[in-house]
Amino acid sequence: MTPAARTMLLLGASGLVGGHLLRRVSAGASYASVTLLTRRALGLGAGKVKEVVVDFDRAETFGEVAVDDVFCCLGTTIKKAGSQAAFRKVDLEAPLAVARAARQAGARPKNTVVARDRIAVKRSTLVSAPRSRRTES
């Protein structure tokens, strides 16, 4: 498959890392299409970029997730999330739900990248953040 024919899925396009990645792939020729899964409309869909507003608790809202590459730049802090449960939902459960849906749709990404937006981590986050990264094998 030629680079220009590749497709990608991006979670976290409104954050620091996800926004930077979106700008790079939008301007480049590496991907023919870029699908953003967002919790709210961001107004970023244009050209080869398609924005899909989803409910991360309902996989049927994800749309077409059989893509070549998946980039997950979702993340939050416990302070922003408001609770451990809400933090876990954003940091662990939403990315896992999308990964499972993509695999079930037949996606076999060559690249799956999980990036952290967090530049500075408070001590209170250090305890729960690593726990949320543990996934099933």
C-alpha atoms as a PDB file:
ATOM      1  CA  MET A   1       0.000   0.000   0.000  1.00  0.00           C
ATOM      2  CA  THR A   2       1.415   3.386  -0.946  1.00  0.00           C
ATOM      3  CA  PRO A   3       1.720   5.953   1.852  1.00  0.00           C
ATOM      4  CA  ALA A   4      -0.871   8.210   0.220  1.00  0.00           C
ATOM      5  CA  ALA A   5      -3.440   5.391   0.305  1.00  0.00           C
ATOM      6  CA  ARG A   6      -3.092   4.815   4.064  1.00  0.00           C
ATOM      7  CA  THR A   7      -5.838   5.717   6.532  1.00  0.00           C
ATOM      8  CA  MET A   8      -5.523   6.723  10.160  1.00  0.00           C
ATOM      9  CA  LEU A   9      -7.640   7.190  13.236  1.00  0.00           C
ATOM     10  CA  LEU A  10      -6.768   9.865  15.814  1.00  0.00           C
ATOM     11  CA  LEU A  11      -8.092  10.192  19.343  1.00  0.00           C
ATOM     12  CA  GLY A  12      -7.209  13.328  21.286  1.00  0.00           C
ATOM     13  CA  ALA A  13      -6.931  15.838  18.446  1.00  0.00           C
ATOM     14  CA  SER A  14      -7.753  18.762  20.756  1.00  0.00           C
ATOM     15  CA  GLY A  15      -4.739  18.188  23.010  1.00  0.00           C
ATOM     16  CA  LEU A  16      -1.150  19.314  22.668  1.00  0.00           C
ATOM     17  CA  VAL A  17       0.272  16.138  21.114  1.00  0.00           C
ATOM     18  CA  GLY A  18      -2.849  15.202  19.139  1.00  0.00           C
ATOM     19  CA  GLY A  19      -3.209  18.717  17.745  1.00  0.00           C
ATOM     20  CA  HIS A  20       0.400  18.752  16.610  1.00  0.00           C
ATOM     21  CA  LEU A  21       0.022  15.338  14.978  1.00  0.00           C
ATOM     22  CA  LEU A  22      -3.172  16.447  13.232  1.00  0.00           C
ATOM     23  CA  ARG A  23      -1.479  19.524  11.779  1.00  0.00           C
ATOM     24  CA  ARG A  24       1.413  17.390  10.502  1.00  0.00           C
ATOM     25  CA  VAL A  25      -0.703  14.720   8.831  1.00  0.00           C
ATOM     26  CA  SER A  26      -3.195  17.249   7.435  1.00  0.00           C
ATOM     27  CA  ALA A  27      -0.405  19.087   5.653  1.00  0.00           C
ATOM     28  CA  GLY A  28       1.485  15.957   4.597  1.00  0.00           C
ATOM     29  CA  ALA A  29       0.952  13.280   1.988  1.00  0.00           C
ATOM     30  CA  SER A  30       1.358  10.269   4.283  1.00  0.00           C
ATOM     31  CA  TYR A  31      -2.366   9.620   4.688  1.00  0.00           C
ATOM     32  CA  ALA A  32      -5.257   9.706   2.234  1.00  0.00           C
ATOM     33  CA  SER A  33      -7.774  10.098   5.062  1.00  0.00           C
ATOM     34  CA  VAL A  34      -7.702  10.976   8.737  1.00  0.00           C
ATOM     35  CA  THR A  35     -10.631  10.205  11.032  1.00  0.00           C
ATOM     36  CA  LEU A  36     -10.880  12.058  14.336  1.00  0.00           C
ATOM     37  CA  LEU A  37     -12.951  10.544  17.113  1.00  0.00           C
ATOM     38  CA  THR A  38     -13.990  13.367  19.441  1.00  0.00           C
ATOM     39  CA  ARG A  39     -16.308  13.799  22.408  1.00  0.00           C
ATOM     40  CA  ARG A  40     -17.557  17.140  21.096  1.00  0.00           C
ATOM     41  CA  ALA A  41     -17.497  18.960  17.761  1.00  0.00           C
ATOM     42  CA  LEU A  42     -14.148  20.691  17.293  1.00  0.00           C
ATOM     43  CA  GLY A  43     -14.635  22.096  13.804  1.00  0.00           C
ATOM     44  CA  LEU A  44     -11.472  20.377  12.555  1.00  0.00           C
ATOM     45  CA  GLY A  45     -12.991  18.328   9.740  1.00  0.00           C
ATOM     46  CA  ALA A  46     -11.843  19.624   6.353  1.00  0.00           C
ATOM     47  CA  GLY A  47     -10.209  18.127   3.284  1.00  0.00           C
ATOM     48  CA  LYS A  48      -9.001  14.636   4.098  1.00  0.00           C
ATOM     49  CA  VAL A  49      -9.895  15.053   7.787  1.00  0.00           C
ATOM     50  CA  LYS A  50     -13.261  13.695   8.926  1.00  0.00           C
ATOM     51  CA  GLU A  51     -14.467  14.489  12.424  1.00  0.00           C
ATOM     52  CA  VAL A  52     -16.790  11.987  14.123  1.00  0.00           C
ATOM     53  CA  VAL A  53     -18.407  12.976  17.422  1.00  0.00           C
ATOM     54  CA  VAL A  54     -18.726   9.826  19.503  1.00  0.00           C
ATOM     55  CA  ASP A  55     -19.855   8.518  22.845  1.00  0.00           C
ATOM     56  CA  PHE A  56     -16.888   6.451  23.995  1.00  0.00           C
ATOM     57  CA  ASP A  57     -19.293   4.298  26.048  1.00  0.00           C
ATOM     58  CA  ARG A  58     -21.102   3.223  22.860  1.00  0.00           C
ATOM     59  CA  ALA A  59     -18.880   1.563  20.255  1.00  0.00           C
ATOM     60  CA  GLU A  60     -21.614   1.776  17.619  1.00  0.00           C
ATOM     61  CA  THR A  61     -21.036   5.565  17.487  1.00  0.00           C
ATOM     62  CA  PHE A  62     -17.394   5.147  16.370  1.00  0.00           C
ATOM     63  CA  GLY A  63     -18.213   4.693  12.689  1.00  0.00           C
ATOM     64  CA  GLU A  64     -15.575   3.189  10.357  1.00  0.00           C
ATOM     65  CA  VAL A  65     -12.595   2.173  12.465  1.00  0.00           C
ATOM     66  CA  ALA A  66     -10.937  -0.358  10.131  1.00  0.00           C
ATOM     67  CA  VAL A  67      -7.871   1.780   9.430  1.00  0.00           C
ATOM     68  CA  ASP A  68      -4.177   1.320   8.758  1.00  0.00           C
ATOM     69  CA  ASP A  69      -2.852   3.249  11.769  1.00  0.00           C
ATOM     70  CA  VAL A  70      -4.282   4.283  15.124  1.00  0.00           C
ATOM     71  CA  PHE A  71      -2.908   7.177  17.158  1.00  0.00           C
ATOM     72  CA  CYS A  72      -4.231   7.652  20.687  1.00  0.00           C
ATOM     73  CA  CYS A  73      -3.341  10.981  22.249  1.00  0.00           C
ATOM     74  CA  LEU A  74      -6.203  10.986  24.753  1.00  0.00           C
ATOM     75  CA  GLY A  75      -5.397  11.893  28.300  1.00  0.00           C
ATOM     76  CA  THR A  76      -6.451  13.959  31.238  1.00  0.00           C
ATOM     77  CA  THR A  77      -5.501  14.707  34.813  1.00  0.00           C
ATOM     78  CA  ILE A  78      -7.418  13.622  37.883  1.00  0.00           C
ATOM     79  CA  LYS A  79      -8.036  17.301  38.638  1.00  0.00           C
ATOM     80  CA  LYS A  80      -9.636  17.895  35.221  1.00  0.00           C
ATOM     81  CA  ALA A  81     -11.501  14.585  35.293  1.00  0.00           C
ATOM     82  CA  GLY A  82     -12.852  15.227  38.773  1.00  0.00           C
ATOM     83  CA  SER A  83     -12.508  11.669  40.083  1.00  0.00           C
ATOM     84  CA  GLN A  84     -10.468   8.487  39.788  1.00  0.00           C
ATOM     85  CA  ALA A  85     -13.339   6.826  37.912  1.00  0.00           C
ATOM     86  CA  ALA A  86     -13.617   9.655  35.375  1.00  0.00           C
ATOM     87  CA  PHE A  87      -9.828   9.689  34.961  1.00  0.00           C
ATOM     88  CA  ARG A  88      -9.790   5.953  34.272  1.00  0.00           C
ATOM     89  CA  LYS A  89     -12.608   6.333  31.759  1.00  0.00           C
ATOM     90  CA  VAL A  90     -10.623   8.840  29.660  1.00  0.00           C
ATOM     91  CA  ASP A  91      -7.146   7.413  30.157  1.00  0.00           C
ATOM     92  CA  LEU A  92      -7.886   3.702  29.877  1.00  0.00           C
ATOM     93  CA  GLU A  93     -11.438   2.714  29.013  1.00  0.00           C
ATOM     94  CA  ALA A  94     -12.001   4.985  25.980  1.00  0.00           C
ATOM     95  CA  PRO A  95      -8.738   3.986  24.236  1.00  0.00           C
ATOM     96  CA  LEU A  96      -9.438   0.302  24.924  1.00  0.00           C
ATOM     97  CA  ALA A  97     -12.979   0.590  23.573  1.00  0.00           C
ATOM     98  CA  VAL A  98     -11.702   2.115  20.323  1.00  0.00           C
ATOM     99  CA  ALA A  99      -8.903  -0.461  20.020  1.00  0.00           C
ATOM    100  CA  ARG A 100     -11.366  -3.318  20.493  1.00  0.00           C
ATOM    101  CA  ALA A 101     -13.813  -1.838  17.974  1.00  0.00           C
ATOM    102  CA  ALA A 102     -11.028  -1.335  15.434  1.00  0.00           C
ATOM    103  CA  ARG A 103      -9.811  -4.903  15.830  1.00  0.00           C
ATOM    104  CA  GLN A 104     -13.359  -6.252  15.584  1.00  0.00           C
ATOM    105  CA  ALA A 105     -13.860  -4.208  12.385  1.00  0.00           C
ATOM    106  CA  GLY A 106     -10.855  -5.941  10.878  1.00  0.00           C
ATOM    107  CA  ALA A 107      -8.252  -3.258  11.450  1.00  0.00           C
ATOM    108  CA  ARG A 108      -4.755  -4.591  11.789  1.00  0.00           C
ATOM    109  CA  PRO A 109      -2.809  -1.377  12.215  1.00  0.00           C
ATOM    110  CA  LYS A 110       0.838  -1.427  11.290  1.00  0.00           C
ATOM    111  CA  ASN A 111       1.282   1.427  13.763  1.00  0.00           C
ATOM    112  CA  THR A 112      -0.587   1.929  17.007  1.00  0.00           C
ATOM    113  CA  VAL A 113       0.775   4.805  19.010  1.00  0.00           C
ATOM    114  CA  VAL A 114      -0.248   5.943  22.449  1.00  0.00           C
ATOM    115  CA  ALA A 115       1.138   9.346  23.374  1.00  0.00           C
ATOM    116  CA  ARG A 116       0.860  11.316  26.550  1.00  0.00           C
ATOM    117  CA  ASP A 117      -0.161  14.982  26.514  1.00  0.00           C
ATOM    118  CA  ARG A 118       0.991  15.478  30.037  1.00  0.00           C
ATOM    119  CA  ILE A 119       4.092  17.643  30.275  1.00  0.00           C
ATOM    120  CA  ALA A 120       4.094  18.045  34.061  1.00  0.00           C
ATOM    121  CA  VAL A 121       2.686  15.375  36.356  1.00  0.00           C
ATOM    122  CA  LYS A 122       1.615  16.206  39.871  1.00  0.00           C
ATOM    123  CA  ARG A 123       2.478  13.851  42.699  1.00  0.00           C
ATOM    124  CA  SER A 124      -1.221  12.966  43.211  1.00  0.00           C
ATOM    125  CA  THR A 125      -1.387  11.726  39.630  1.00  0.00           C
ATOM    126  CA  LEU A 126       1.686   9.514  39.882  1.00  0.00           C
ATOM    127  CA  VAL A 127      -0.152   6.906  41.917  1.00  0.00           C
ATOM    128  CA  SER A 128      -3.186   6.453  39.697  1.00  0.00           C
ATOM    129  CA  ALA A 129      -1.787   7.224  36.233  1.00  0.00           C
ATOM    130  CA  PRO A 130       0.524   4.189  35.974  1.00  0.00           C
ATOM    131  CA  ARG A 131      -2.257   1.910  37.210  1.00  0.00           C
ATOM    132  CA  SER A 132      -4.529   3.110  34.444  1.00  0.00           C
ATOM    133  CA  ARG A 133      -1.928   2.097  31.836  1.00  0.00           C
ATOM    134  CA  ARG A 134      -2.089  -1.563  32.785  1.00  0.00           C
ATOM    135  CA  THR A 135      -4.199  -3.419  30.251  1.00  0.00           C
ATOM    136  CA  GLU A 136      -5.378  -6.915  29.659  1.00  0.00           C
ATOM    137  CA  SER A 137      -3.066  -9.212  27.720  1.00  0.00           C
END
